[in-house]
Amino acid sequence: MRPIPKSMLIHSGTITGVTTTDRWGNETTTPPVDLKFIRIEPTTKIVKDKQNNEIQLSNLMFYDCKNSLPKGATFNEDTVITINGKEHTIKVIDKLYDENKLHHYELGLI
């Protein structure tokens, strides 16, 4: 399968710093990261979260593993992504594979 063409990846944004806690309770926050060559599509899809609550997504974000920047980005639920000055929260992370390797991410945002 071919990568998503850059001509379709017309959006950019910023993912806020991710706070992680190690086993001793020390919190570490990463600096914000600029996302380039992503795509945002409006949606009205309804999904269920880990607690089985229904959530209506407002957008889907596509991150192509070949053409989107930064390379090798990883995503966590409840992380905030700012696109065009509007904050969105990641609620669903779908990893889509091309045979044996990761092709792209589809992130459900609210």
C-alpha atoms as a PDB file:
ATOM      1  CA  MET A   1       0.000   0.000   0.000  1.00  0.00           C
ATOM      2  CA  ARG A   2       1.295   3.454  -0.898  1.00  0.00           C
ATOM      3  CA  PRO A   3       1.704   6.205   1.714  1.00  0.00           C
ATOM      4  CA  ILE A   4      -0.952   8.893   1.991  1.00  0.00           C
ATOM      5  CA  PRO A   5       0.172  11.558  -0.521  1.00  0.00           C
ATOM      6  CA  LYS A   6       1.558  14.799   0.951  1.00  0.00           C
ATOM      7  CA  SER A   7      -0.900  16.709  -1.233  1.00  0.00           C
ATOM      8  CA  MET A   8      -3.701  15.274   0.935  1.00  0.00           C
ATOM      9  CA  LEU A   9      -1.887  15.953   4.236  1.00  0.00           C
ATOM     10  CA  ILE A  10      -2.668  19.663   4.262  1.00  0.00           C
ATOM     11  CA  HIS A  11      -2.978  20.386   7.987  1.00  0.00           C
ATOM     12  CA  SER A  12      -0.564  20.984  10.839  1.00  0.00           C
ATOM     13  CA  GLY A  13      -0.874  21.283  14.592  1.00  0.00           C
ATOM     14  CA  THR A  14       0.827  20.948  17.948  1.00  0.00           C
ATOM     15  CA  ILE A  15       0.614  18.065  20.375  1.00  0.00           C
ATOM     16  CA  THR A  16       0.965  19.205  23.983  1.00  0.00           C
ATOM     17  CA  GLY A  17       3.552  17.790  26.282  1.00  0.00           C
ATOM     18  CA  VAL A  18       2.741  14.345  27.547  1.00  0.00           C
ATOM     19  CA  THR A  19       3.019  13.872  31.298  1.00  0.00           C
ATOM     20  CA  THR A  20       4.207  10.468  32.413  1.00  0.00           C
ATOM     21  CA  THR A  21       4.675   9.145  35.921  1.00  0.00           C
ATOM     22  CA  ASP A  22       7.391   6.637  36.722  1.00  0.00           C
ATOM     23  CA  ARG A  23       7.049   3.900  39.326  1.00  0.00           C
ATOM     24  CA  TRP A  24       8.392   6.203  42.079  1.00  0.00           C
ATOM     25  CA  GLY A  25       5.717   8.850  41.390  1.00  0.00           C
ATOM     26  CA  ASN A  26       8.000  11.331  39.618  1.00  0.00           C
ATOM     27  CA  GLU A  27       6.188  13.189  36.828  1.00  0.00           C
ATOM     28  CA  THR A  28       7.922  14.112  33.581  1.00  0.00           C
ATOM     29  CA  THR A  29       6.394  16.349  30.921  1.00  0.00           C
ATOM     30  CA  THR A  30       7.718  16.356  27.384  1.00  0.00           C
ATOM     31  CA  PRO A  31       7.867  19.646  25.460  1.00  0.00           C
ATOM     32  CA  PRO A  32       5.131  20.368  22.882  1.00  0.00           C
ATOM     33  CA  VAL A  33       5.795  18.894  19.434  1.00  0.00           C
ATOM     34  CA  ASP A  34       4.762  20.380  16.066  1.00  0.00           C
ATOM     35  CA  LEU A  35       2.854  18.003  13.788  1.00  0.00           C
ATOM     36  CA  LYS A  36       3.122  18.598  10.045  1.00  0.00           C
ATOM     37  CA  PHE A  37       1.566  16.892   7.034  1.00  0.00           C
ATOM     38  CA  ILE A  38      -1.473  15.529   8.860  1.00  0.00           C
ATOM     39  CA  ARG A  39      -5.110  15.501   7.782  1.00  0.00           C
ATOM     40  CA  ILE A  40      -8.196  16.444   9.800  1.00  0.00           C
ATOM     41  CA  GLU A  41     -11.648  15.302   8.689  1.00  0.00           C
ATOM     42  CA  PRO A  42     -14.913  16.158  10.476  1.00  0.00           C
ATOM     43  CA  THR A  43     -16.941  13.191  11.683  1.00  0.00           C
ATOM     44  CA  THR A  44     -19.987  12.369  13.774  1.00  0.00           C
ATOM     45  CA  LYS A  45     -18.890   8.835  14.601  1.00  0.00           C
ATOM     46  CA  ILE A  46     -19.959   7.456  17.993  1.00  0.00           C
ATOM     47  CA  VAL A  47     -17.477   5.155  19.766  1.00  0.00           C
ATOM     48  CA  LYS A  48     -17.148   3.592  23.217  1.00  0.00           C
ATOM     49  CA  ASP A  49     -14.296   4.344  25.594  1.00  0.00           C
ATOM     50  CA  LYS A  50     -12.599   1.981  28.042  1.00  0.00           C
ATOM     51  CA  GLN A  51     -15.380   2.501  30.596  1.00  0.00           C
ATOM     52  CA  ASN A  52     -17.981   1.608  27.930  1.00  0.00           C
ATOM     53  CA  ASN A  53     -19.306   5.195  27.735  1.00  0.00           C
ATOM     54  CA  GLU A  54     -20.441   6.459  24.338  1.00  0.00           C
ATOM     55  CA  ILE A  55     -18.406   9.343  22.931  1.00  0.00           C
ATOM     56  CA  GLN A  56     -19.253  11.341  19.822  1.00  0.00           C
ATOM     57  CA  LEU A  57     -16.082  12.224  17.932  1.00  0.00           C
ATOM     58  CA  SER A  58     -15.836  15.608  16.237  1.00  0.00           C
ATOM     59  CA  ASN A  59     -12.797  14.927  14.025  1.00  0.00           C
ATOM     60  CA  LEU A  60     -10.547  12.187  12.704  1.00  0.00           C
ATOM     61  CA  MET A  61      -6.842  12.929  12.394  1.00  0.00           C
ATOM     62  CA  PHE A  62      -4.694  10.964   9.958  1.00  0.00           C
ATOM     63  CA  TYR A  63      -0.955  10.640  10.618  1.00  0.00           C
ATOM     64  CA  ASP A  64       0.950   8.861   7.833  1.00  0.00           C
ATOM     65  CA  CYS A  65       4.047   6.983   9.034  1.00  0.00           C
ATOM     66  CA  LYS A  66       5.994   7.878   5.866  1.00  0.00           C
ATOM     67  CA  ASN A  67       5.013  11.490   5.088  1.00  0.00           C
ATOM     68  CA  SER A  68       3.855  13.050   8.373  1.00  0.00           C
ATOM     69  CA  LEU A  69       6.310  14.810  10.669  1.00  0.00           C
ATOM     70  CA  PRO A  70       7.862  14.242  13.123  1.00  0.00           C
ATOM     71  CA  LYS A  71       8.822  10.729  12.101  1.00  0.00           C
ATOM     72  CA  GLY A  72       8.056   7.995  14.598  1.00  0.00           C
ATOM     73  CA  ALA A  73       5.519   9.969  16.614  1.00  0.00           C
ATOM     74  CA  THR A  74       3.493   8.039  19.153  1.00  0.00           C
ATOM     75  CA  PHE A  75       0.119   9.024  20.547  1.00  0.00           C
ATOM     76  CA  ASN A  76      -1.619   8.539  23.894  1.00  0.00           C
ATOM     77  CA  GLU A  77      -5.281   8.844  24.807  1.00  0.00           C
ATOM     78  CA  ASP A  78      -6.367  12.075  26.522  1.00  0.00           C
ATOM     79  CA  THR A  79      -3.456  14.008  24.987  1.00  0.00           C
ATOM     80  CA  VAL A  80      -4.390  17.447  23.629  1.00  0.00           C
ATOM     81  CA  ILE A  81      -3.709  18.411  20.020  1.00  0.00           C
ATOM     82  CA  THR A  82      -4.110  22.059  18.954  1.00  0.00           C
ATOM     83  CA  ILE A  83      -5.131  22.620  15.326  1.00  0.00           C
ATOM     84  CA  ASN A  84      -5.897  26.115  14.005  1.00  0.00           C
ATOM     85  CA  GLY A  85      -6.063  27.446  17.560  1.00  0.00           C
ATOM     86  CA  LYS A  86      -8.671  24.881  18.669  1.00  0.00           C
ATOM     87  CA  GLU A  87      -7.852  22.189  21.201  1.00  0.00           C
ATOM     88  CA  HIS A  88      -8.891  18.585  20.576  1.00  0.00           C
ATOM     89  CA  THR A  89      -8.446  15.593  22.873  1.00  0.00           C
ATOM     90  CA  ILE A  90      -7.412  12.166  21.577  1.00  0.00           C
ATOM     91  CA  LYS A  91     -10.019   9.572  22.584  1.00  0.00           C
ATOM     92  CA  VAL A  92      -9.463   6.737  20.072  1.00  0.00           C
ATOM     93  CA  ILE A  93      -6.195   5.502  18.558  1.00  0.00           C
ATOM     94  CA  ASP A  94      -6.411   3.125  15.591  1.00  0.00           C
ATOM     95  CA  LYS A  95      -3.169   1.742  14.180  1.00  0.00           C
ATOM     96  CA  LEU A  96      -3.568   0.566  10.580  1.00  0.00           C
ATOM     97  CA  TYR A  97      -1.006  -1.803   9.118  1.00  0.00           C
ATOM     98  CA  ASP A  98       0.233  -2.544   5.603  1.00  0.00           C
ATOM     99  CA  GLU A  99       1.118  -6.234   5.719  1.00  0.00           C
ATOM    100  CA  ASN A 100       3.706  -6.284   8.544  1.00  0.00           C
ATOM    101  CA  LYS A 101       4.455  -2.611   9.200  1.00  0.00           C
ATOM    102  CA  LEU A 102       2.500   0.320  10.562  1.00  0.00           C
ATOM    103  CA  HIS A 103       1.030   2.365   7.687  1.00  0.00           C
ATOM    104  CA  HIS A 104      -0.857   5.191   9.438  1.00  0.00           C
ATOM    105  CA  TYR A 105      -2.713   6.246  12.565  1.00  0.00           C
ATOM    106  CA  GLU A 106      -6.355   7.325  12.680  1.00  0.00           C
ATOM    107  CA  LEU A 107      -6.994   9.318  15.839  1.00  0.00           C
ATOM    108  CA  GLY A 108     -10.513  10.024  17.051  1.00  0.00           C
ATOM    109  CA  LEU A 109     -10.689  13.536  18.520  1.00  0.00           C
ATOM    110  CA  ILE A 110     -13.301  15.326  20.597  1.00  0.00           C
END
